[in-house]
Amino acid sequence: VLTLLDVLDYLDTIPVCVGYEIDGVITKDFPNTVKLAKAKPVYEYLPGWKQNIRGIKDFKELPTNCINYIQFIEKELMVPITMVSNGPGRDEIIKK
């Protein structure tokens, strides 16, 4: 489940942390040791959708850049996203 998707509606670009650089080496694993102090996030920037997505009930009706963002996260995490929330209400959930 991916929540708070609607709060990204206004962004021109969306930074997504895809790894951490530590002493010139990039890792995808979160540095939970003393290396954390040296870690610098590595970002990929995805285009935003600049459109209000609240009220959309069908996944296919989401803006193309929004769908691309969700698919990017699925690919990076290697986990399917089956539901997204596009508003604060309990009924503002889109099943994929």
PDB file of N, CA and C in Angstrom:
ATOM      1  N   VAL A   1       0.849  -1.174   0.000  1.00  0.00           N
ATOM      2  CA  VAL A   1       0.000   0.000   0.000  1.00  0.00           C
ATOM      3  C   VAL A   1       0.896   1.239   0.000  1.00  0.00           C
ATOM      4  N   LEU A   2       0.574   2.163  -0.870  1.00  0.00           N
ATOM      5  CA  LEU A   2       1.285   3.436  -0.951  1.00  0.00           C
ATOM      6  C   LEU A   2       0.316   4.526  -0.507  1.00  0.00           C
ATOM      7  N   THR A   3       0.666   5.222   0.554  1.00  0.00           N
ATOM      8  CA  THR A   3      -0.232   6.239   1.099  1.00  0.00           C
ATOM      9  C   THR A   3       0.270   7.646   0.785  1.00  0.00           C
ATOM     10  N   LEU A   4      -0.615   8.598   0.963  1.00  0.00           N
ATOM     11  CA  LEU A   4      -0.322  10.030   0.829  1.00  0.00           C
ATOM     12  C   LEU A   4       0.116  10.435  -0.576  1.00  0.00           C
ATOM     13  N   LEU A   5      -0.329   9.701  -1.569  1.00  0.00           N
ATOM     14  CA  LEU A   5       0.038  10.008  -2.948  1.00  0.00           C
ATOM     15  C   LEU A   5      -0.433  11.399  -3.353  1.00  0.00           C
ATOM     16  N   ASP A   6      -1.574  11.815  -2.820  1.00  0.00           N
ATOM     17  CA  ASP A   6      -2.149  13.108  -3.177  1.00  0.00           C
ATOM     18  C   ASP A   6      -1.314  14.298  -2.719  1.00  0.00           C
ATOM     19  N   VAL A   7      -0.473  14.131  -1.722  1.00  0.00           N
ATOM     20  CA  VAL A   7       0.309  15.270  -1.237  1.00  0.00           C
ATOM     21  C   VAL A   7       1.430  15.642  -2.212  1.00  0.00           C
ATOM     22  N   LEU A   8       1.644  14.818  -3.217  1.00  0.00           N
ATOM     23  CA  LEU A   8       2.679  15.094  -4.217  1.00  0.00           C
ATOM     24  C   LEU A   8       2.125  15.824  -5.438  1.00  0.00           C
ATOM     25  N   ASP A   9       0.830  16.081  -5.445  1.00  0.00           N
ATOM     26  CA  ASP A   9       0.154  16.664  -6.614  1.00  0.00           C
ATOM     27  C   ASP A   9       0.781  17.952  -7.129  1.00  0.00           C
ATOM     28  N   TYR A  10       1.340  18.770  -6.270  1.00  0.00           N
ATOM     29  CA  TYR A  10       1.800  20.099  -6.659  1.00  0.00           C
ATOM     30  C   TYR A  10       3.258  20.139  -7.116  1.00  0.00           C
ATOM     31  N   LEU A  11       3.977  19.036  -6.980  1.00  0.00           N
ATOM     32  CA  LEU A  11       5.415  19.049  -7.267  1.00  0.00           C
ATOM     33  C   LEU A  11       5.722  18.971  -8.761  1.00  0.00           C
ATOM     34  N   ASP A  12       6.715  19.763  -9.187  1.00  0.00           N
ATOM     35  CA  ASP A  12       7.189  19.688 -10.572  1.00  0.00           C
ATOM     36  C   ASP A  12       8.018  18.426 -10.776  1.00  0.00           C
ATOM     37  N   THR A  13       8.867  18.134  -9.796  1.00  0.00           N
ATOM     38  CA  THR A  13       9.677  16.912  -9.814  1.00  0.00           C
ATOM     39  C   THR A  13       9.606  16.277  -8.431  1.00  0.00           C
ATOM     40  N   ILE A  14       9.775  14.965  -8.410  1.00  0.00           N
ATOM     41  CA  ILE A  14       9.689  14.231  -7.148  1.00  0.00           C
ATOM     42  C   ILE A  14      11.018  13.522  -6.917  1.00  0.00           C
ATOM     43  N   PRO A  15      11.756  13.929  -5.875  1.00  0.00           N
ATOM     44  CA  PRO A  15      13.009  13.235  -5.575  1.00  0.00           C
ATOM     45  C   PRO A  15      12.727  11.896  -4.892  1.00  0.00           C
ATOM     46  N   VAL A  16      13.377  10.854  -5.372  1.00  0.00           N
ATOM     47  CA  VAL A  16      13.222   9.529  -4.788  1.00  0.00           C
ATOM     48  C   VAL A  16      14.618   9.029  -4.417  1.00  0.00           C
ATOM     49  N   CYS A  17      14.808   8.739  -3.144  1.00  0.00           N
ATOM     50  CA  CYS A  17      16.096   8.222  -2.689  1.00  0.00           C
ATOM     51  C   CYS A  17      16.220   6.771  -3.150  1.00  0.00           C
ATOM     52  N   VAL A  18      17.269   6.494  -3.924  1.00  0.00           N
ATOM     53  CA  VAL A  18      17.464   5.146  -4.469  1.00  0.00           C
ATOM     54  C   VAL A  18      18.698   4.457  -3.905  1.00  0.00           C
ATOM     55  N   GLY A  19      19.414   5.148  -3.026  1.00  0.00           N
ATOM     56  CA  GLY A  19      20.601   4.552  -2.426  1.00  0.00           C
ATOM     57  C   GLY A  19      21.326   5.560  -1.559  1.00  0.00           C
ATOM     58  N   TYR A  20      22.479   5.140  -1.085  1.00  0.00           N
ATOM     59  CA  TYR A  20      23.303   5.983  -0.215  1.00  0.00           C
ATOM     60  C   TYR A  20      24.750   5.870  -0.645  1.00  0.00           C
ATOM     61  N   GLU A  21      25.430   7.012  -0.711  1.00  0.00           N
ATOM     62  CA  GLU A  21      26.857   7.026  -1.027  1.00  0.00           C
ATOM     63  C   GLU A  21      27.635   7.137   0.273  1.00  0.00           C
ATOM     64  N   ILE A  22      28.537   6.189   0.479  1.00  0.00           N
ATOM     65  CA  ILE A  22      29.384   6.175   1.672  1.00  0.00           C
ATOM     66  C   ILE A  22      30.825   5.977   1.218  1.00  0.00           C
ATOM     67  N   ASP A  23      31.646   6.985   1.431  1.00  0.00           N
ATOM     68  CA  ASP A  23      33.054   6.928   1.027  1.00  0.00           C
ATOM     69  C   ASP A  23      33.198   6.573  -0.448  1.00  0.00           C
ATOM     70  N   GLY A  24      32.355   7.166  -1.288  1.00  0.00           N
ATOM     71  CA  GLY A  24      32.451   6.969  -2.724  1.00  0.00           C
ATOM     72  C   GLY A  24      31.797   5.694  -3.248  1.00  0.00           C
ATOM     73  N   VAL A  25      31.243   4.887  -2.367  1.00  0.00           N
ATOM     74  CA  VAL A  25      30.581   3.647  -2.763  1.00  0.00           C
ATOM     75  C   VAL A  25      29.077   3.808  -2.560  1.00  0.00           C
ATOM     76  N   ILE A  26      28.304   3.406  -3.574  1.00  0.00           N
ATOM     77  CA  ILE A  26      26.850   3.518  -3.479  1.00  0.00           C
ATOM     78  C   ILE A  26      26.259   2.165  -3.099  1.00  0.00           C
ATOM     79  N   THR A  27      25.385   2.205  -2.103  1.00  0.00           N
ATOM     80  CA  THR A  27      24.689   1.006  -1.652  1.00  0.00           C
ATOM     81  C   THR A  27      23.193   1.278  -1.626  1.00  0.00           C
ATOM     82  N   LYS A  28      22.412   0.253  -1.837  1.00  0.00           N
ATOM     83  CA  LYS A  28      20.955   0.387  -1.729  1.00  0.00           C
ATOM     84  C   LYS A  28      20.476   0.050  -0.319  1.00  0.00           C
ATOM     85  N   ASP A  29      21.342  -0.516   0.483  1.00  0.00           N
ATOM     86  CA  ASP A  29      20.992  -0.873   1.856  1.00  0.00           C
ATOM     87  C   ASP A  29      21.102   0.346   2.759  1.00  0.00           C
ATOM     88  N   PHE A  30      20.131   0.504   3.649  1.00  0.00           N
ATOM     89  CA  PHE A  30      20.163   1.616   4.594  1.00  0.00           C
ATOM     90  C   PHE A  30      21.318   1.413   5.566  1.00  0.00           C
ATOM     91  N   PRO A  31      22.193   2.402   5.699  1.00  0.00           N
ATOM     92  CA  PRO A  31      23.343   2.268   6.597  1.00  0.00           C
ATOM     93  C   PRO A  31      22.930   2.457   8.058  1.00  0.00           C
ATOM     94  N   ASN A  32      22.763   1.371   8.770  1.00  0.00           N
ATOM     95  CA  ASN A  32      22.303   1.467  10.160  1.00  0.00           C
ATOM     96  C   ASN A  32      23.435   1.274  11.158  1.00  0.00           C
ATOM     97  N   THR A  33      24.642   1.526  10.732  1.00  0.00           N
ATOM     98  CA  THR A  33      25.807   1.419  11.610  1.00  0.00           C
ATOM     99  C   THR A  33      26.432   2.796  11.748  1.00  0.00           C
ATOM    100  N   VAL A  34      27.664   2.848  12.196  1.00  0.00           N
ATOM    101  CA  VAL A  34      28.362   4.127  12.329  1.00  0.00           C
ATOM    102  C   VAL A  34      28.550   4.806  10.972  1.00  0.00           C
ATOM    103  N   LYS A  35      28.359   4.066   9.878  1.00  0.00           N
ATOM    104  CA  LYS A  35      28.474   4.643   8.535  1.00  0.00           C
ATOM    105  C   LYS A  35      27.338   5.625   8.230  1.00  0.00           C
ATOM    106  N   LEU A  36      26.288   5.589   9.017  1.00  0.00           N
ATOM    107  CA  LEU A  36      25.142   6.454   8.772  1.00  0.00           C
ATOM    108  C   LEU A  36      25.546   7.932   8.760  1.00  0.00           C
ATOM    109  N   ALA A  37      26.466   8.312   9.616  1.00  0.00           N
ATOM    110  CA  ALA A  37      26.894   9.710   9.689  1.00  0.00           C
ATOM    111  C   ALA A  37      27.571  10.159   8.393  1.00  0.00           C
ATOM    112  N   LYS A  38      28.172   9.234   7.650  1.00  0.00           N
ATOM    113  CA  LYS A  38      28.851   9.560   6.396  1.00  0.00           C
ATOM    114  C   LYS A  38      27.943   9.443   5.181  1.00  0.00           C
ATOM    115  N   ALA A  39      26.809   8.823   5.343  1.00  0.00           N
ATOM    116  CA  ALA A  39      25.943   8.504   4.207  1.00  0.00           C
ATOM    117  C   ALA A  39      25.318   9.755   3.588  1.00  0.00           C
ATOM    118  N   LYS A  40      25.348   9.786   2.274  1.00  0.00           N
ATOM    119  CA  LYS A  40      24.692  10.857   1.522  1.00  0.00           C
ATOM    120  C   LYS A  40      23.647  10.201   0.628  1.00  0.00           C
ATOM    121  N   PRO A  41      22.408  10.675   0.669  1.00  0.00           N
ATOM    122  CA  PRO A  41      21.376  10.059  -0.173  1.00  0.00           C
ATOM    123  C   PRO A  41      21.655  10.278  -1.656  1.00  0.00           C
ATOM    124  N   VAL A  42      21.315   9.284  -2.445  1.00  0.00           N
ATOM    125  CA  VAL A  42      21.405   9.364  -3.901  1.00  0.00           C
ATOM    126  C   VAL A  42      19.972   9.421  -4.414  1.00  0.00           C
ATOM    127  N   TYR A  43      19.674  10.450  -5.189  1.00  0.00           N
ATOM    128  CA  TYR A  43      18.303  10.663  -5.653  1.00  0.00           C
ATOM    129  C   TYR A  43      18.171  10.445  -7.155  1.00  0.00           C
ATOM    130  N   GLU A  44      17.009   9.969  -7.542  1.00  0.00           N
ATOM    131  CA  GLU A  44      16.549  10.048  -8.921  1.00  0.00           C
ATOM    132  C   GLU A  44      15.360  10.988  -8.875  1.00  0.00           C
ATOM    133  N   TYR A  45      15.220  11.794  -9.907  1.00  0.00           N
ATOM    134  CA  TYR A  45      14.145  12.783  -9.949  1.00  0.00           C
ATOM    135  C   TYR A  45      13.143  12.389 -11.023  1.00  0.00           C
ATOM    136  N   LEU A  46      11.911  12.223 -10.606  1.00  0.00           N
ATOM    137  CA  LEU A  46      10.839  11.847 -11.516  1.00  0.00           C
ATOM    138  C   LEU A  46       9.931  13.045 -11.749  1.00  0.00           C
ATOM    139  N   PRO A  47       9.350  13.144 -12.937  1.00  0.00           N
ATOM    140  CA  PRO A  47       8.448  14.277 -13.186  1.00  0.00           C
ATOM    141  C   PRO A  47       7.157  14.148 -12.383  1.00  0.00           C
ATOM    142  N   GLY A  48       6.709  15.263 -11.848  1.00  0.00           N
ATOM    143  CA  GLY A  48       5.441  15.287 -11.125  1.00  0.00           C
ATOM    144  C   GLY A  48       4.282  15.300 -12.099  1.00  0.00           C
ATOM    145  N   TRP A  49       3.068  15.265 -11.567  1.00  0.00           N
ATOM    146  CA  TRP A  49       1.891  15.231 -12.440  1.00  0.00           C
ATOM    147  C   TRP A  49       1.089  16.519 -12.379  1.00  0.00           C
ATOM    148  N   LYS A  50       1.381  17.380 -11.419  1.00  0.00           N
ATOM    149  CA  LYS A  50       0.778  18.723 -11.340  1.00  0.00           C
ATOM    150  C   LYS A  50      -0.733  18.701 -11.580  1.00  0.00           C
ATOM    151  N   GLN A  51      -1.396  17.748 -10.956  1.00  0.00           N
ATOM    152  CA  GLN A  51      -2.841  17.586 -11.150  1.00  0.00           C
ATOM    153  C   GLN A  51      -3.427  16.993  -9.878  1.00  0.00           C
ATOM    154  N   ASN A  52      -4.585  17.475  -9.477  1.00  0.00           N
ATOM    155  CA  ASN A  52      -5.270  16.959  -8.299  1.00  0.00           C
ATOM    156  C   ASN A  52      -5.791  15.551  -8.602  1.00  0.00           C
ATOM    157  N   ILE A  53      -5.363  14.569  -7.804  1.00  0.00           N
ATOM    158  CA  ILE A  53      -5.797  13.188  -8.050  1.00  0.00           C
ATOM    159  C   ILE A  53      -6.888  12.736  -7.082  1.00  0.00           C
ATOM    160  N   ARG A  54      -7.275  13.594  -6.171  1.00  0.00           N
ATOM    161  CA  ARG A  54      -8.365  13.230  -5.243  1.00  0.00           C
ATOM    162  C   ARG A  54      -9.632  12.985  -6.027  1.00  0.00           C
ATOM    163  N   GLY A  55     -10.367  11.990  -5.610  1.00  0.00           N
ATOM    164  CA  GLY A  55     -11.624  11.661  -6.260  1.00  0.00           C
ATOM    165  C   GLY A  55     -11.494  10.613  -7.358  1.00  0.00           C
ATOM    166  N   ILE A  56     -10.291  10.334  -7.798  1.00  0.00           N
ATOM    167  CA  ILE A  56     -10.095   9.299  -8.823  1.00  0.00           C
ATOM    168  C   ILE A  56     -10.297   7.938  -8.162  1.00  0.00           C
ATOM    169  N   LYS A  57     -11.064   7.086  -8.792  1.00  0.00           N
ATOM    170  CA  LYS A  57     -11.381   5.762  -8.235  1.00  0.00           C
ATOM    171  C   LYS A  57     -10.744   4.609  -9.010  1.00  0.00           C
ATOM    172  N   ASP A  58     -10.333   4.854 -10.245  1.00  0.00           N
ATOM    173  CA  ASP A  58      -9.771   3.812 -11.105  1.00  0.00           C
ATOM    174  C   ASP A  58      -8.297   4.100 -11.343  1.00  0.00           C
ATOM    175  N   PHE A  59      -7.452   3.115 -11.091  1.00  0.00           N
ATOM    176  CA  PHE A  59      -6.002   3.279 -11.240  1.00  0.00           C
ATOM    177  C   PHE A  59      -5.633   3.805 -12.624  1.00  0.00           C
ATOM    178  N   LYS A  60      -6.298   3.321 -13.641  1.00  0.00           N
ATOM    179  CA  LYS A  60      -5.983   3.701 -15.023  1.00  0.00           C
ATOM    180  C   LYS A  60      -6.291   5.165 -15.309  1.00  0.00           C
ATOM    181  N   GLU A  61      -7.074   5.805 -14.448  1.00  0.00           N
ATOM    182  CA  GLU A  61      -7.418   7.214 -14.645  1.00  0.00           C
ATOM    183  C   GLU A  61      -6.401   8.170 -14.002  1.00  0.00           C
ATOM    184  N   LEU A  62      -5.454   7.623 -13.271  1.00  0.00           N
ATOM    185  CA  LEU A  62      -4.404   8.471 -12.690  1.00  0.00           C
ATOM    186  C   LEU A  62      -3.556   9.062 -13.810  1.00  0.00           C
ATOM    187  N   PRO A  63      -2.969  10.243 -13.590  1.00  0.00           N
ATOM    188  CA  PRO A  63      -2.084  10.818 -14.600  1.00  0.00           C
ATOM    189  C   PRO A  63      -0.916   9.871 -14.909  1.00  0.00           C
ATOM    190  N   THR A  64      -0.448   9.912 -16.127  1.00  0.00           N
ATOM    191  CA  THR A  64       0.630   9.023 -16.576  1.00  0.00           C
ATOM    192  C   THR A  64       1.853   9.118 -15.668  1.00  0.00           C
ATOM    193  N   ASN A  65       2.262  10.336 -15.299  1.00  0.00           N
ATOM    194  CA  ASN A  65       3.449  10.483 -14.449  1.00  0.00           C
ATOM    195  C   ASN A  65       3.222   9.900 -13.053  1.00  0.00           C
ATOM    196  N   CYS A  66       1.999   9.915 -12.584  1.00  0.00           N
ATOM    197  CA  CYS A  66       1.668   9.316 -11.290  1.00  0.00           C
ATOM    198  C   CYS A  66       1.800   7.795 -11.371  1.00  0.00           C
ATOM    199  N   ILE A  67       1.267   7.217 -12.441  1.00  0.00           N
ATOM    200  CA  ILE A  67       1.396   5.771 -12.644  1.00  0.00           C
ATOM    201  C   ILE A  67       2.864   5.393 -12.787  1.00  0.00           C
ATOM    202  N   ASN A  68       3.621   6.195 -13.521  1.00  0.00           N
ATOM    203  CA  ASN A  68       5.060   5.921 -13.688  1.00  0.00           C
ATOM    204  C   ASN A  68       5.791   5.967 -12.350  1.00  0.00           C
ATOM    205  N   TYR A  69       5.415   6.908 -11.489  1.00  0.00           N
ATOM    206  CA  TYR A  69       6.005   7.022 -10.161  1.00  0.00           C
ATOM    207  C   TYR A  69       5.739   5.757  -9.334  1.00  0.00           C
ATOM    208  N   ILE A  70       4.506   5.284  -9.360  1.00  0.00           N
ATOM    209  CA  ILE A  70       4.141   4.075  -8.619  1.00  0.00           C
ATOM    210  C   ILE A  70       4.913   2.871  -9.154  1.00  0.00           C
ATOM    211  N   GLN A  71       4.990   2.754 -10.471  1.00  0.00           N
ATOM    212  CA  GLN A  71       5.723   1.640 -11.079  1.00  0.00           C
ATOM    213  C   GLN A  71       7.216   1.712 -10.774  1.00  0.00           C
ATOM    214  N   PHE A  72       7.766   2.912 -10.703  1.00  0.00           N
ATOM    215  CA  PHE A  72       9.175   3.091 -10.351  1.00  0.00           C
ATOM    216  C   PHE A  72       9.429   2.569  -8.935  1.00  0.00           C
ATOM    217  N   ILE A  73       8.557   2.924  -8.011  1.00  0.00           N
ATOM    218  CA  ILE A  73       8.708   2.462  -6.629  1.00  0.00           C
ATOM    219  C   ILE A  73       8.599   0.939  -6.555  1.00  0.00           C
ATOM    220  N   GLU A  74       7.644   0.364  -7.281  1.00  0.00           N
ATOM    221  CA  GLU A  74       7.514  -1.096  -7.311  1.00  0.00           C
ATOM    222  C   GLU A  74       8.805  -1.754  -7.798  1.00  0.00           C
ATOM    223  N   LYS A  75       9.373  -1.195  -8.851  1.00  0.00           N
ATOM    224  CA  LYS A  75      10.600  -1.755  -9.426  1.00  0.00           C
ATOM    225  C   LYS A  75      11.772  -1.637  -8.440  1.00  0.00           C
ATOM    226  N   GLU A  76      11.912  -0.481  -7.827  1.00  0.00           N
ATOM    227  CA  GLU A  76      13.011  -0.259  -6.889  1.00  0.00           C
ATOM    228  C   GLU A  76      12.906  -1.166  -5.659  1.00  0.00           C
ATOM    229  N   LEU A  77      11.690  -1.323  -5.147  1.00  0.00           N
ATOM    230  CA  LEU A  77      11.489  -2.126  -3.938  1.00  0.00           C
ATOM    231  C   LEU A  77      11.305  -3.613  -4.232  1.00  0.00           C
ATOM    232  N   MET A  78      11.031  -3.918  -5.506  1.00  0.00           N
ATOM    233  CA  MET A  78      10.748  -5.298  -5.920  1.00  0.00           C
ATOM    234  C   MET A  78       9.570  -5.877  -5.139  1.00  0.00           C
ATOM    235  N   VAL A  79       8.557  -5.026  -4.947  1.00  0.00           N
ATOM    236  CA  VAL A  79       7.341  -5.385  -4.222  1.00  0.00           C
ATOM    237  C   VAL A  79       6.160  -4.762  -4.976  1.00  0.00           C
ATOM    238  N   PRO A  80       5.108  -5.524  -5.234  1.00  0.00           N
ATOM    239  CA  PRO A  80       3.952  -4.922  -5.905  1.00  0.00           C
ATOM    240  C   PRO A  80       3.183  -3.983  -4.978  1.00  0.00           C
ATOM    241  N   ILE A  81       2.689  -2.907  -5.548  1.00  0.00           N
ATOM    242  CA  ILE A  81       1.815  -1.989  -4.829  1.00  0.00           C
ATOM    243  C   ILE A  81       0.405  -2.292  -5.317  1.00  0.00           C
ATOM    244  N   THR A  82      -0.472  -2.713  -4.422  1.00  0.00           N
ATOM    245  CA  THR A  82      -1.818  -3.128  -4.827  1.00  0.00           C
ATOM    246  C   THR A  82      -2.886  -2.090  -4.508  1.00  0.00           C
ATOM    247  N   MET A  83      -2.551  -1.129  -3.641  1.00  0.00           N
ATOM    248  CA  MET A  83      -3.499  -0.071  -3.297  1.00  0.00           C
ATOM    249  C   MET A  83      -2.734   1.231  -3.086  1.00  0.00           C
ATOM    250  N   VAL A  84      -3.372   2.340  -3.475  1.00  0.00           N
ATOM    251  CA  VAL A  84      -2.805   3.664  -3.208  1.00  0.00           C
ATOM    252  C   VAL A  84      -3.898   4.539  -2.612  1.00  0.00           C
ATOM    253  N   SER A  85      -3.494   5.381  -1.664  1.00  0.00           N
ATOM    254  CA  SER A  85      -4.470   6.332  -1.122  1.00  0.00           C
ATOM    255  C   SER A  85      -4.263   7.664  -1.818  1.00  0.00           C
ATOM    256  N   ASN A  86      -5.369   8.282  -2.192  1.00  0.00           N
ATOM    257  CA  ASN A  86      -5.295   9.570  -2.872  1.00  0.00           C
ATOM    258  C   ASN A  86      -6.133  10.621  -2.160  1.00  0.00           C
ATOM    259  N   GLY A  87      -6.193  10.498  -0.841  1.00  0.00           N
ATOM    260  CA  GLY A  87      -6.901  11.465  -0.016  1.00  0.00           C
ATOM    261  C   GLY A  87      -6.969  10.981   1.416  1.00  0.00           C
ATOM    262  N   PRO A  88      -7.429  11.828   2.330  1.00  0.00           N
ATOM    263  CA  PRO A  88      -7.440  11.480   3.744  1.00  0.00           C
ATOM    264  C   PRO A  88      -8.588  10.562   4.164  1.00  0.00           C
ATOM    265  N   GLY A  89      -9.608  10.440   3.345  1.00  0.00           N
ATOM    266  CA  GLY A  89     -10.772   9.631   3.719  1.00  0.00           C
ATOM    267  C   GLY A  89     -10.527   8.145   3.590  1.00  0.00           C
ATOM    268  N   ARG A  90     -11.244   7.373   4.403  1.00  0.00           N
ATOM    269  CA  ARG A  90     -11.114   5.910   4.350  1.00  0.00           C
ATOM    270  C   ARG A  90     -11.512   5.349   2.997  1.00  0.00           C
ATOM    271  N   ASP A  91     -12.382   6.047   2.311  1.00  0.00           N
ATOM    272  CA  ASP A  91     -12.843   5.558   1.015  1.00  0.00           C
ATOM    273  C   ASP A  91     -11.983   6.067  -0.147  1.00  0.00           C
ATOM    274  N   GLU A  92     -10.951   6.826   0.160  1.00  0.00           N
ATOM    275  CA  GLU A  92     -10.074   7.366  -0.886  1.00  0.00           C
ATOM    276  C   GLU A  92      -8.883   6.428  -1.106  1.00  0.00           C
ATOM    277  N   ILE A  93      -9.211   5.213  -1.490  1.00  0.00           N
ATOM    278  CA  ILE A  93      -8.231   4.174  -1.768  1.00  0.00           C
ATOM    279  C   ILE A  93      -8.505   3.649  -3.171  1.00  0.00           C
ATOM    280  N   ILE A  94      -7.456   3.542  -3.961  1.00  0.00           N
ATOM    281  CA  ILE A  94      -7.581   2.970  -5.292  1.00  0.00           C
ATOM    282  C   ILE A  94      -6.956   1.584  -5.265  1.00  0.00           C
ATOM    283  N   LYS A  95      -7.727   0.578  -5.643  1.00  0.00           N
ATOM    284  CA  LYS A  95      -7.191  -0.769  -5.759  1.00  0.00           C
ATOM    285  C   LYS A  95      -6.658  -0.947  -7.164  1.00  0.00           C
ATOM    286  N   LYS A  96      -5.467  -1.483  -7.252  1.00  0.00           N
ATOM    287  CA  LYS A  96      -4.805  -1.639  -8.546  1.00  0.00           C
ATOM    288  C   LYS A  96      -5.158  -2.966  -9.166  1.00  0.00           C
TER     289      LYS A  96
END
